[in-house]
Amino acid sequence: MIILNGIHLPYHVIHYAITKAKENTANISALFLSGKSDHSRGYFFPSDLTSVESLSSDKDVEGEDNRIIQDNMLLIKQMIELEDISYTSSVKTNISIDEIVESTASADLVILDEDFDNYPIMGDNKISLKKLKQKIIKPVDVVPNK
C-alpha cells in the first residue's frame, strides 16, 4: 500500500511500488490523504498560485484540490496498469492516524515518501512520517527522493 500525502505526487514512490509489485507478483493499493483546512492555514504550493488567485472561497480551493487528487489517481492508475499490475485507490479526508493504521491491515508492505512531512496534510503535523512508522505494524519502506 502506498500512502500519499495530500495533493503531492512523488513519482519516485510510484516507480518504487511498481518495482516491488513486479518482484513479488503483488497488487498495489494507494491511499490518498487530504485535509479540508489546508489553504486556510497558509498551505499553498508555489505552482498553484495562479490557480489560487482566481479562487474566491475555501470551497473553490477544496474543489481544486479534489480535482488534482482525482487527476493524480487516474495518472497513477494508468502508470500501474500499463505494467499489468492490479490497482485500487481511495481518498480519505481528515482521517486520523489510527484510521490510516486500520487501512493498512491487509497490506503486506506500506510504502511512504521520505519527504512525507514536507507537504503537511492539514497545515500542521497531526500525521507525520515518524508517527506512521511507529504505529503501522506492517513492514514500512521509506523511499528516498533521489
Protein backbone atom coordinates (compact mmCIF):
# COMPACT_ATOMS: atom_id res chain seq x y z
CA MET A 1 0.00 0.00 0.00
CA ILE A 2 1.23 3.45 -0.92
CA ILE A 3 0.22 6.28 1.41
CA LEU A 4 0.30 9.62 -0.38
CA ASN A 5 0.25 12.89 1.49
CA GLY A 6 -2.19 15.47 0.15
CA ILE A 7 -2.03 16.60 -3.45
CA HIS A 8 1.72 15.97 -3.73
CA LEU A 9 2.63 13.22 -6.21
CA PRO A 10 6.07 11.66 -5.62
CA TYR A 11 6.83 9.76 -8.84
CA HIS A 12 9.84 8.02 -7.28
CA VAL A 13 7.48 6.37 -4.78
CA ILE A 14 5.16 5.17 -7.54
CA HIS A 15 8.07 3.71 -9.53
CA TYR A 16 9.37 2.01 -6.37
CA ALA A 17 5.94 0.47 -5.71
CA ILE A 18 5.73 -0.78 -9.29
CA THR A 19 9.16 -2.40 -9.00
CA LYS A 20 8.23 -4.06 -5.68
CA ALA A 21 4.90 -5.30 -7.08
CA LYS A 22 6.64 -6.84 -10.11
CA GLU A 23 9.26 -8.54 -7.91
CA ASN A 24 6.60 -10.05 -5.67
CA THR A 25 3.73 -10.51 -8.14
CA ALA A 26 1.62 -8.25 -5.95
CA ASN A 27 -1.21 -5.75 -6.35
CA ILE A 28 -0.89 -2.07 -5.46
CA SER A 29 -3.32 -0.01 -3.45
CA ALA A 30 -2.94 3.70 -2.82
CA LEU A 31 -4.39 5.78 -0.02
CA PHE A 32 -4.58 9.49 -0.82
CA LEU A 33 -4.78 11.69 2.27
CA SER A 34 -6.48 15.06 2.12
CA GLY A 35 -7.39 17.78 4.58
CA LYS A 36 -10.14 20.33 4.26
CA SER A 37 -8.34 23.14 6.04
CA ASP A 38 -5.03 23.22 4.14
CA HIS A 39 -5.37 26.55 2.39
CA SER A 40 -6.99 28.46 5.20
CA ARG A 41 -3.80 27.92 7.20
CA GLY A 42 -1.47 29.25 4.51
CA TYR A 43 -0.86 25.90 2.82
CA PHE A 44 -0.01 26.64 -0.81
CA PHE A 45 2.24 25.18 -3.44
CA PRO A 46 4.12 27.85 -5.42
CA SER A 47 2.94 26.27 -8.68
CA ASP A 48 -0.67 26.72 -7.53
CA LEU A 49 -0.51 30.49 -7.06
CA THR A 50 -2.04 31.30 -10.45
CA SER A 51 -4.95 28.98 -9.68
CA VAL A 52 -5.34 30.35 -6.18
CA GLU A 53 -5.58 33.95 -7.41
CA SER A 54 -8.76 33.05 -9.30
CA LEU A 55 -10.36 31.13 -6.44
CA SER A 56 -12.91 33.06 -4.44
CA SER A 57 -13.51 30.82 -1.43
CA ASP A 58 -12.23 27.89 0.59
CA LYS A 59 -14.85 25.78 -1.20
CA ASP A 60 -13.25 26.68 -4.57
CA VAL A 61 -9.81 25.74 -3.21
CA GLU A 62 -11.15 22.47 -1.83
CA GLY A 63 -12.73 21.69 -5.20
CA GLU A 64 -9.44 22.40 -6.97
CA ASP A 65 -7.59 20.11 -4.54
CA ASN A 66 -10.15 17.36 -5.21
CA ARG A 67 -9.64 17.74 -8.97
CA ILE A 68 -5.86 17.50 -8.54
CA ILE A 69 -6.21 14.37 -6.40
CA GLN A 70 -8.58 12.77 -8.93
CA ASP A 71 -6.13 13.57 -11.75
CA ASN A 72 -3.27 12.07 -9.71
CA MET A 73 -5.33 8.95 -9.01
CA LEU A 74 -6.01 8.49 -12.72
CA LEU A 75 -2.37 9.06 -13.66
CA ILE A 76 -1.12 6.53 -11.11
CA LYS A 77 -3.77 4.04 -12.23
CA GLN A 78 -2.57 4.36 -15.82
CA MET A 79 1.10 4.03 -14.83
CA ILE A 80 0.46 0.89 -12.78
CA GLU A 81 -1.99 -0.78 -15.16
CA LEU A 82 0.46 -0.25 -18.06
CA GLU A 83 2.68 -2.65 -16.12
CA ASP A 84 -0.17 -5.21 -15.88
CA ILE A 85 -0.47 -4.74 -12.12
CA SER A 86 -3.85 -4.65 -10.41
CA TYR A 87 -4.54 -1.30 -8.71
CA THR A 88 -7.05 0.11 -6.24
CA SER A 89 -7.17 3.51 -4.60
CA SER A 90 -9.13 5.59 -2.14
CA VAL A 91 -9.18 9.14 -0.81
CA LYS A 92 -9.64 9.90 2.87
CA THR A 93 -10.25 13.43 4.12
CA ASN A 94 -9.27 14.49 7.65
CA ILE A 95 -8.53 10.89 8.55
CA SER A 96 -6.92 10.08 11.89
CA ILE A 97 -3.62 8.26 12.19
CA ASP A 98 -5.46 5.31 13.78
CA GLU A 99 -7.75 5.10 10.75
CA ILE A 100 -4.69 5.07 8.49
CA VAL A 101 -3.22 2.23 10.53
CA GLU A 102 -6.52 0.31 10.23
CA SER A 103 -6.48 0.76 6.45
CA THR A 104 -3.04 -0.90 6.26
CA ALA A 105 -4.25 -4.08 7.96
CA SER A 106 -4.47 -6.10 4.75
CA ALA A 107 -1.26 -4.73 3.22
CA ASP A 108 1.90 -6.80 3.03
CA LEU A 109 4.04 -3.67 2.76
CA VAL A 110 3.44 0.05 3.31
CA ILE A 111 5.37 2.49 1.13
CA LEU A 112 5.93 6.11 2.15
CA ASP A 113 7.80 9.06 0.70
CA GLU A 114 10.85 10.18 2.67
CA ASP A 115 9.59 13.75 2.13
CA PHE A 116 6.13 12.95 3.56
CA ASP A 117 6.45 15.66 6.23
CA ASN A 118 7.39 18.36 3.71
CA TYR A 119 3.77 18.57 2.49
CA PRO A 120 1.51 18.93 5.56
CA ILE A 121 -1.94 17.47 5.11
CA MET A 122 -3.88 19.85 7.33
CA GLY A 123 -1.43 22.69 7.81
CA ASP A 124 0.11 21.08 10.88
CA ASN A 125 1.87 17.88 11.88
CA LYS A 126 -1.06 15.73 13.04
CA ILE A 127 0.14 12.95 10.77
CA SER A 128 3.88 12.59 10.36
CA LEU A 129 6.26 10.06 8.84
CA LYS A 130 7.65 9.29 12.29
CA LYS A 131 4.19 8.67 13.79
CA LEU A 132 3.17 6.48 10.85
CA LYS A 133 6.33 4.37 11.15
CA GLN A 134 5.74 3.97 14.91
CA LYS A 135 2.08 2.96 14.63
CA ILE A 136 1.94 0.84 11.47
CA ILE A 137 2.66 -2.78 12.39
CA LYS A 138 3.31 -3.89 8.81
CA PRO A 139 6.74 -3.54 7.17
CA VAL A 140 7.28 0.07 6.06
CA ASP A 141 9.60 1.12 3.23
CA VAL A 142 10.52 4.79 3.19
CA VAL A 143 11.57 5.80 -0.31
CA PRO A 144 14.25 8.48 -0.66
CA ASN A 145 13.89 11.18 -3.29
CA LYS A 146 16.94 10.61 -5.46
